[in-house]
């Protein structure tokens, strides 16, 4: 144990690859839980079948690392509502880009065409409140 002066804490910063791993797994689990909850809310399916793709590990891991950087750069300079809007815009941009790339290989695991406010089936505005809640967790840290 390291002796620290009174009032100071010993902290260790996680390396980027450790944070990537945590963000990837967290996003993966949240995706499975969200799809299970959505299936229950829409179809009252008591089996709660949550699904996702292994691609979401890379997608969430990389995206949340970017949001982390945005948070650190903006937290003291930009008001919370504007930061949340920027996080949301990044999230949609990232979802469109990764979805478009995956679609070129017939590997895109989502298709939002049944939704009213979708863009090429790659994003949907109906999920904006959910994304905002997810993005706002950064501001609570």
N, C-alpha and C. Protein backbone atom coordinates (compact mmCIF):
# COMPACT_ATOMS: atom_id res chain seq x y z
N UNK A 1 0.84 -1.18 0.00
CA UNK A 1 0.00 0.00 0.00
C UNK A 1 0.88 1.24 0.00
N UNK A 2 0.52 2.22 -0.79
CA UNK A 2 1.30 3.45 -0.92
C UNK A 2 0.81 4.46 0.11
N UNK A 3 1.74 5.05 0.86
CA UNK A 3 1.38 6.08 1.83
C UNK A 3 1.13 7.39 1.09
N UNK A 4 -0.04 7.98 1.32
CA UNK A 4 -0.40 9.24 0.67
C UNK A 4 -0.57 10.31 1.74
N UNK A 5 -0.24 11.56 1.41
CA UNK A 5 -0.47 12.65 2.36
C UNK A 5 -1.95 12.73 2.73
N UNK A 6 -2.22 13.21 3.93
CA UNK A 6 -3.59 13.31 4.41
C UNK A 6 -4.46 14.10 3.42
N UNK A 7 -5.63 13.57 3.13
CA UNK A 7 -6.57 14.25 2.25
C UNK A 7 -6.41 13.92 0.78
N UNK A 8 -5.40 13.16 0.42
CA UNK A 8 -5.21 12.80 -0.98
C UNK A 8 -5.55 11.33 -1.17
N UNK A 9 -6.04 11.03 -2.34
CA UNK A 9 -6.38 9.65 -2.68
C UNK A 9 -5.38 9.10 -3.68
N UNK A 10 -5.22 7.79 -3.63
CA UNK A 10 -4.38 7.12 -4.62
C UNK A 10 -5.30 6.65 -5.74
N UNK A 11 -5.08 7.14 -6.92
CA UNK A 11 -5.89 6.71 -8.06
C UNK A 11 -4.98 6.20 -9.16
N UNK A 12 -5.52 5.26 -9.90
CA UNK A 12 -4.81 4.71 -11.04
C UNK A 12 -5.69 4.89 -12.25
N UNK A 13 -5.14 5.46 -13.28
CA UNK A 13 -5.88 5.65 -14.52
C UNK A 13 -5.79 4.39 -15.36
N UNK A 14 -6.93 3.95 -15.86
CA UNK A 14 -6.94 2.78 -16.73
C UNK A 14 -6.37 3.14 -18.09
N UNK A 15 -5.63 2.25 -18.67
CA UNK A 15 -5.12 2.44 -20.02
C UNK A 15 -6.28 2.44 -21.01
N UNK A 16 -6.04 2.98 -22.21
CA UNK A 16 -7.11 3.10 -23.19
C UNK A 16 -7.69 1.75 -23.56
N UNK A 17 -6.87 0.71 -23.65
CA UNK A 17 -7.38 -0.60 -24.05
C UNK A 17 -8.24 -1.23 -22.96
N UNK A 18 -7.95 -0.91 -21.69
CA UNK A 18 -8.81 -1.38 -20.60
C UNK A 18 -10.15 -0.68 -20.64
N UNK A 19 -10.12 0.64 -20.88
CA UNK A 19 -11.38 1.39 -20.99
C UNK A 19 -12.15 0.94 -22.21
N UNK A 20 -11.46 0.68 -23.33
CA UNK A 20 -12.13 0.17 -24.53
C UNK A 20 -12.87 -1.13 -24.20
N UNK A 21 -12.19 -2.02 -23.52
CA UNK A 21 -12.80 -3.31 -23.14
C UNK A 21 -14.05 -3.09 -22.29
N UNK A 22 -13.94 -2.25 -21.27
CA UNK A 22 -15.08 -1.98 -20.40
C UNK A 22 -16.23 -1.35 -21.18
N UNK A 23 -15.94 -0.38 -22.03
CA UNK A 23 -16.97 0.27 -22.81
C UNK A 23 -17.62 -0.70 -23.79
N UNK A 24 -16.81 -1.55 -24.41
CA UNK A 24 -17.33 -2.51 -25.38
C UNK A 24 -18.29 -3.49 -24.71
N UNK A 25 -17.86 -4.05 -23.60
CA UNK A 25 -18.71 -5.02 -22.89
C UNK A 25 -19.95 -4.33 -22.34
N UNK A 26 -19.78 -3.13 -21.80
CA UNK A 26 -20.93 -2.40 -21.28
C UNK A 26 -21.94 -2.12 -22.39
N UNK A 27 -21.48 -1.65 -23.53
CA UNK A 27 -22.38 -1.39 -24.65
C UNK A 27 -23.06 -2.65 -25.14
N UNK A 28 -22.31 -3.73 -25.20
CA UNK A 28 -22.85 -5.03 -25.64
C UNK A 28 -23.98 -5.47 -24.72
N UNK A 29 -23.74 -5.42 -23.41
CA UNK A 29 -24.75 -5.84 -22.44
C UNK A 29 -25.95 -4.91 -22.49
N UNK A 30 -25.71 -3.61 -22.57
CA UNK A 30 -26.83 -2.65 -22.66
C UNK A 30 -27.67 -2.91 -23.90
N UNK A 31 -27.04 -3.24 -25.01
CA UNK A 31 -27.76 -3.53 -26.25
C UNK A 31 -28.66 -4.76 -26.07
N UNK A 32 -28.13 -5.80 -25.46
CA UNK A 32 -28.94 -7.01 -25.23
C UNK A 32 -30.10 -6.69 -24.30
N UNK A 33 -29.85 -5.95 -23.23
CA UNK A 33 -30.91 -5.60 -22.29
C UNK A 33 -31.95 -4.69 -22.93
N UNK A 34 -31.50 -3.74 -23.74
CA UNK A 34 -32.44 -2.83 -24.41
C UNK A 34 -33.34 -3.59 -25.38
N UNK A 35 -32.75 -4.47 -26.18
CA UNK A 35 -33.57 -5.21 -27.15
C UNK A 35 -34.54 -6.15 -26.44
N UNK A 36 -34.13 -6.69 -25.30
CA UNK A 36 -35.04 -7.53 -24.52
C UNK A 36 -36.21 -6.70 -23.97
N UNK A 37 -35.90 -5.54 -23.42
CA UNK A 37 -36.94 -4.66 -22.88
C UNK A 37 -37.86 -4.16 -23.99
N UNK A 38 -37.27 -3.83 -25.15
CA UNK A 38 -38.08 -3.37 -26.28
C UNK A 38 -39.03 -4.47 -26.76
N UNK A 39 -38.53 -5.68 -26.84
CA UNK A 39 -39.37 -6.82 -27.25
C UNK A 39 -40.52 -7.02 -26.27
N UNK A 40 -40.25 -6.84 -25.00
CA UNK A 40 -41.32 -6.96 -24.01
C UNK A 40 -42.32 -5.82 -24.14
N UNK A 41 -41.83 -4.58 -24.27
CA UNK A 41 -42.71 -3.42 -24.34
C UNK A 41 -43.59 -3.45 -25.59
N UNK A 42 -43.04 -3.89 -26.71
CA UNK A 42 -43.79 -3.88 -27.96
C UNK A 42 -44.67 -5.12 -28.12
N UNK A 43 -44.13 -6.30 -27.77
CA UNK A 43 -44.83 -7.56 -28.04
C UNK A 43 -45.23 -8.33 -26.78
N UNK A 44 -44.99 -7.76 -25.60
CA UNK A 44 -45.26 -8.44 -24.33
C UNK A 44 -44.66 -9.84 -24.29
N UNK A 45 -43.47 -9.97 -24.81
CA UNK A 45 -42.78 -11.25 -24.85
C UNK A 45 -42.07 -11.47 -23.52
N UNK A 46 -42.59 -12.37 -22.69
CA UNK A 46 -42.05 -12.64 -21.37
C UNK A 46 -40.74 -13.41 -21.42
N UNK A 47 -40.31 -13.84 -22.57
CA UNK A 47 -39.00 -14.51 -22.69
C UNK A 47 -37.85 -13.51 -22.68
N UNK A 48 -38.15 -12.24 -22.93
CA UNK A 48 -37.14 -11.18 -22.98
C UNK A 48 -35.96 -11.57 -23.86
N UNK A 49 -36.20 -11.88 -25.13
CA UNK A 49 -35.07 -12.25 -26.00
C UNK A 49 -34.25 -11.02 -26.40
N UNK A 50 -33.09 -10.87 -25.82
CA UNK A 50 -32.20 -9.78 -26.18
C UNK A 50 -31.19 -10.25 -27.20
N UNK A 51 -30.97 -9.44 -28.23
CA UNK A 51 -30.05 -9.83 -29.29
C UNK A 51 -29.12 -8.67 -29.64
N UNK A 52 -28.00 -9.01 -30.21
CA UNK A 52 -27.07 -8.03 -30.75
C UNK A 52 -26.09 -8.77 -31.65
N UNK A 53 -25.03 -8.11 -32.02
CA UNK A 53 -24.01 -8.68 -32.88
C UNK A 53 -22.65 -8.48 -32.23
N UNK A 54 -21.72 -9.34 -32.56
CA UNK A 54 -20.35 -9.17 -32.06
C UNK A 54 -19.78 -7.85 -32.54
N UNK A 55 -20.25 -7.37 -33.68
CA UNK A 55 -19.77 -6.07 -34.18
C UNK A 55 -20.03 -4.95 -33.17
N UNK A 56 -21.07 -5.10 -32.36
CA UNK A 56 -21.37 -4.03 -31.41
C UNK A 56 -20.26 -3.84 -30.38
N UNK A 57 -19.46 -4.86 -30.13
CA UNK A 57 -18.32 -4.69 -29.22
C UNK A 57 -17.37 -3.62 -29.75
N UNK A 58 -17.01 -3.71 -31.03
CA UNK A 58 -16.13 -2.71 -31.64
C UNK A 58 -16.81 -1.36 -31.74
N UNK A 59 -18.08 -1.39 -32.14
CA UNK A 59 -18.82 -0.13 -32.34
C UNK A 59 -18.93 0.64 -31.04
N UNK A 60 -19.37 -0.01 -29.97
CA UNK A 60 -19.51 0.68 -28.68
C UNK A 60 -18.16 1.04 -28.08
N UNK A 61 -17.21 0.14 -28.14
CA UNK A 61 -15.91 0.42 -27.55
C UNK A 61 -15.27 1.67 -28.14
N UNK A 62 -15.26 1.75 -29.47
CA UNK A 62 -14.64 2.91 -30.12
C UNK A 62 -15.46 4.17 -29.92
N UNK A 63 -16.78 4.06 -30.03
CA UNK A 63 -17.62 5.24 -29.91
C UNK A 63 -17.54 5.86 -28.52
N UNK A 64 -17.55 5.03 -27.49
CA UNK A 64 -17.52 5.58 -26.14
C UNK A 64 -16.15 6.16 -25.81
N UNK A 65 -15.09 5.63 -26.40
CA UNK A 65 -13.79 6.29 -26.24
C UNK A 65 -13.82 7.70 -26.82
N UNK A 66 -14.48 7.88 -27.96
CA UNK A 66 -14.61 9.21 -28.55
C UNK A 66 -15.46 10.11 -27.66
N UNK A 67 -16.57 9.58 -27.14
CA UNK A 67 -17.42 10.38 -26.26
C UNK A 67 -16.65 10.76 -24.98
N UNK A 68 -15.82 9.86 -24.50
CA UNK A 68 -14.98 10.18 -23.34
C UNK A 68 -14.09 11.38 -23.64
N UNK A 69 -13.47 11.39 -24.80
CA UNK A 69 -12.61 12.50 -25.21
C UNK A 69 -13.42 13.79 -25.34
N UNK A 70 -14.61 13.66 -25.94
CA UNK A 70 -15.48 14.84 -26.07
C UNK A 70 -15.84 15.39 -24.70
N UNK A 71 -16.19 14.50 -23.79
CA UNK A 71 -16.55 14.92 -22.44
C UNK A 71 -15.41 15.68 -21.77
N UNK A 72 -14.21 15.12 -21.84
CA UNK A 72 -13.06 15.77 -21.20
C UNK A 72 -12.76 17.13 -21.82
N UNK A 73 -12.95 17.25 -23.13
CA UNK A 73 -12.66 18.52 -23.81
C UNK A 73 -13.75 19.57 -23.58
N UNK A 74 -14.99 19.14 -23.37
CA UNK A 74 -16.11 20.07 -23.34
C UNK A 74 -16.70 20.34 -21.95
N UNK A 75 -16.40 19.50 -20.97
CA UNK A 75 -17.11 19.55 -19.69
C UNK A 75 -17.05 20.91 -19.00
N UNK A 76 -15.98 21.63 -19.12
CA UNK A 76 -15.85 22.93 -18.44
C UNK A 76 -16.10 24.11 -19.37
N UNK A 77 -16.40 23.83 -20.64
CA UNK A 77 -16.52 24.93 -21.60
C UNK A 77 -17.88 25.02 -22.28
N UNK A 78 -18.66 23.93 -22.25
CA UNK A 78 -19.92 23.90 -22.98
C UNK A 78 -21.03 23.48 -22.01
N UNK A 79 -22.16 24.17 -22.05
CA UNK A 79 -23.26 23.86 -21.14
C UNK A 79 -23.82 22.47 -21.44
N UNK A 80 -24.40 21.86 -20.42
CA UNK A 80 -24.86 20.48 -20.50
C UNK A 80 -25.83 20.21 -21.66
N UNK A 81 -26.87 21.02 -21.88
CA UNK A 81 -27.78 20.69 -22.99
C UNK A 81 -27.08 20.64 -24.35
N UNK A 82 -26.15 21.55 -24.58
CA UNK A 82 -25.41 21.55 -25.84
C UNK A 82 -24.48 20.35 -25.93
N UNK A 83 -23.83 20.01 -24.82
CA UNK A 83 -22.98 18.80 -24.82
C UNK A 83 -23.80 17.56 -25.14
N UNK A 84 -24.97 17.44 -24.54
CA UNK A 84 -25.82 16.28 -24.82
C UNK A 84 -26.21 16.23 -26.30
N UNK A 85 -26.49 17.37 -26.88
CA UNK A 85 -26.81 17.42 -28.31
C UNK A 85 -25.60 16.98 -29.14
N UNK A 86 -24.40 17.41 -28.76
CA UNK A 86 -23.19 17.00 -29.48
C UNK A 86 -22.95 15.50 -29.34
N UNK A 87 -23.15 14.96 -28.14
CA UNK A 87 -23.00 13.51 -27.95
C UNK A 87 -24.01 12.75 -28.81
N UNK A 88 -25.24 13.25 -28.84
CA UNK A 88 -26.28 12.60 -29.64
C UNK A 88 -25.94 12.65 -31.12
N UNK A 89 -25.45 13.79 -31.59
CA UNK A 89 -25.07 13.92 -32.99
C UNK A 89 -23.93 12.95 -33.32
N UNK A 90 -22.94 12.84 -32.43
CA UNK A 90 -21.85 11.89 -32.64
C UNK A 90 -22.40 10.46 -32.71
N UNK A 91 -23.29 10.14 -31.80
CA UNK A 91 -23.84 8.78 -31.75
C UNK A 91 -24.54 8.44 -33.06
N UNK A 92 -25.36 9.36 -33.57
CA UNK A 92 -26.05 9.10 -34.83
C UNK A 92 -25.07 9.05 -36.01
N UNK A 93 -24.10 9.94 -36.03
CA UNK A 93 -23.11 9.91 -37.10
C UNK A 93 -22.35 8.58 -37.10
N UNK A 94 -21.95 8.13 -35.91
CA UNK A 94 -21.21 6.87 -35.78
C UNK A 94 -22.09 5.70 -36.20
N UNK A 95 -23.37 5.71 -35.82
CA UNK A 95 -24.26 4.63 -36.19
C UNK A 95 -24.50 4.58 -37.70
N UNK A 96 -24.64 5.74 -38.33
CA UNK A 96 -24.80 5.77 -39.79
C UNK A 96 -23.54 5.25 -40.47
N UNK A 97 -22.39 5.73 -40.05
CA UNK A 97 -21.13 5.31 -40.70
C UNK A 97 -20.85 3.83 -40.53
N UNK A 98 -20.94 3.34 -39.30
CA UNK A 98 -20.66 1.92 -39.08
C UNK A 98 -21.72 1.05 -39.74
N UNK A 99 -22.97 1.47 -39.68
CA UNK A 99 -24.03 0.71 -40.34
C UNK A 99 -23.84 0.66 -41.84
N UNK A 100 -23.44 1.78 -42.44
CA UNK A 100 -23.21 1.82 -43.88
C UNK A 100 -22.06 0.89 -44.28
N UNK A 101 -20.98 0.94 -43.52
CA UNK A 101 -19.84 0.06 -43.82
C UNK A 101 -20.24 -1.41 -43.68
N UNK A 102 -20.89 -1.74 -42.58
CA UNK A 102 -21.31 -3.13 -42.38
C UNK A 102 -22.31 -3.59 -43.44
N UNK A 103 -23.15 -2.69 -43.87
CA UNK A 103 -24.14 -3.04 -44.89
C UNK A 103 -23.46 -3.42 -46.21
N UNK A 104 -22.30 -2.85 -46.50
CA UNK A 104 -21.58 -3.18 -47.73
C UNK A 104 -21.16 -4.65 -47.75
N UNK A 105 -21.05 -5.25 -46.57
CA UNK A 105 -20.66 -6.65 -46.45
C UNK A 105 -21.82 -7.53 -46.00
N UNK A 106 -23.03 -6.97 -46.09
CA UNK A 106 -24.24 -7.67 -45.63
C UNK A 106 -24.09 -8.12 -44.18
N UNK A 107 -23.50 -7.25 -43.36
CA UNK A 107 -23.22 -7.60 -41.97
C UNK A 107 -23.86 -6.63 -40.98
N UNK A 108 -24.68 -5.70 -41.44
CA UNK A 108 -25.29 -4.73 -40.53
C UNK A 108 -26.38 -5.43 -39.72
N UNK A 109 -26.24 -5.45 -38.39
CA UNK A 109 -27.19 -6.20 -37.57
C UNK A 109 -28.50 -5.45 -37.28
N UNK A 110 -28.62 -4.20 -37.68
CA UNK A 110 -29.86 -3.47 -37.42
C UNK A 110 -30.45 -2.96 -38.71
N UNK A 111 -31.77 -2.80 -38.67
CA UNK A 111 -32.52 -2.25 -39.80
C UNK A 111 -33.72 -1.51 -39.24
N UNK A 112 -33.70 -0.19 -39.33
CA UNK A 112 -34.75 0.63 -38.75
C UNK A 112 -35.82 1.03 -39.76
N UNK A 113 -35.87 0.38 -40.92
CA UNK A 113 -36.87 0.77 -41.92
C UNK A 113 -38.31 0.68 -41.43
N UNK A 114 -38.66 -0.21 -40.50
CA UNK A 114 -40.06 -0.21 -40.03
C UNK A 114 -40.42 1.02 -39.19
N UNK A 115 -39.44 1.79 -38.74
CA UNK A 115 -39.72 2.95 -37.90
C UNK A 115 -40.13 4.15 -38.74
N UNK A 116 -40.90 5.04 -38.16
CA UNK A 116 -41.42 6.20 -38.89
C UNK A 116 -40.32 7.20 -39.24
N UNK A 117 -39.38 7.41 -38.36
CA UNK A 117 -38.39 8.45 -38.56
C UNK A 117 -36.99 7.87 -38.76
N UNK A 118 -36.87 6.96 -39.71
CA UNK A 118 -35.57 6.34 -39.97
C UNK A 118 -34.87 7.05 -41.12
N UNK A 119 -33.58 6.89 -41.19
CA UNK A 119 -32.78 7.41 -42.29
C UNK A 119 -32.07 6.22 -42.94
N UNK A 120 -32.54 5.81 -44.08
CA UNK A 120 -31.99 4.67 -44.83
C UNK A 120 -31.97 3.38 -44.01
N UNK A 121 -32.77 3.31 -42.97
CA UNK A 121 -32.79 2.14 -42.11
C UNK A 121 -31.59 2.03 -41.20
N UNK A 122 -30.71 3.04 -41.24
CA UNK A 122 -29.48 2.99 -40.45
C UNK A 122 -29.61 3.67 -39.08
N UNK A 123 -30.45 4.67 -38.99
CA UNK A 123 -30.74 5.31 -37.70
C UNK A 123 -32.23 5.58 -37.63
N UNK A 124 -32.71 5.80 -36.41
CA UNK A 124 -34.09 6.21 -36.22
C UNK A 124 -34.16 7.24 -35.10
N UNK A 125 -34.94 8.27 -35.32
CA UNK A 125 -35.08 9.31 -34.31
C UNK A 125 -35.90 8.85 -33.12
N UNK A 126 -36.65 7.76 -33.27
CA UNK A 126 -37.42 7.24 -32.14
C UNK A 126 -36.53 6.83 -30.98
N UNK A 127 -35.28 6.50 -31.25
CA UNK A 127 -34.36 6.10 -30.19
C UNK A 127 -33.61 7.28 -29.56
N UNK A 128 -33.85 8.49 -30.04
CA UNK A 128 -33.13 9.66 -29.52
C UNK A 128 -33.24 9.80 -28.00
N UNK A 129 -34.42 9.64 -27.40
CA UNK A 129 -34.47 9.74 -25.93
C UNK A 129 -33.59 8.69 -25.23
N UNK A 130 -33.56 7.50 -25.76
CA UNK A 130 -32.72 6.44 -25.17
C UNK A 130 -31.25 6.79 -25.29
N UNK A 131 -30.85 7.28 -26.47
CA UNK A 131 -29.45 7.67 -26.66
C UNK A 131 -29.09 8.83 -25.74
N UNK A 132 -30.02 9.77 -25.55
CA UNK A 132 -29.75 10.91 -24.66
C UNK A 132 -29.53 10.45 -23.23
N UNK A 133 -30.32 9.49 -22.78
CA UNK A 133 -30.14 8.98 -21.42
C UNK A 133 -28.76 8.31 -21.32
N UNK A 134 -28.40 7.53 -22.33
CA UNK A 134 -27.08 6.89 -22.32
C UNK A 134 -25.95 7.90 -22.35
N UNK A 135 -26.09 8.91 -23.18
CA UNK A 135 -25.04 9.93 -23.29
C UNK A 135 -24.97 10.79 -22.03
N UNK A 136 -26.10 11.02 -21.39
CA UNK A 136 -26.10 11.88 -20.19
C UNK A 136 -25.39 11.22 -19.03
N UNK A 137 -25.18 9.92 -19.09
CA UNK A 137 -24.46 9.27 -17.99
C UNK A 137 -23.04 9.81 -17.88
N UNK A 138 -22.47 10.32 -18.98
CA UNK A 138 -21.13 10.90 -18.93
C UNK A 138 -21.13 12.17 -18.10
N UNK A 139 -22.23 12.92 -18.14
CA UNK A 139 -22.27 14.17 -17.41
C UNK A 139 -22.46 13.95 -15.92
N UNK A 140 -22.89 12.75 -15.54
CA UNK A 140 -23.08 12.44 -14.12
C UNK A 140 -21.79 12.00 -13.45
N UNK A 141 -20.76 11.73 -14.26
CA UNK A 141 -19.49 11.25 -13.68
C UNK A 141 -18.76 12.33 -12.94
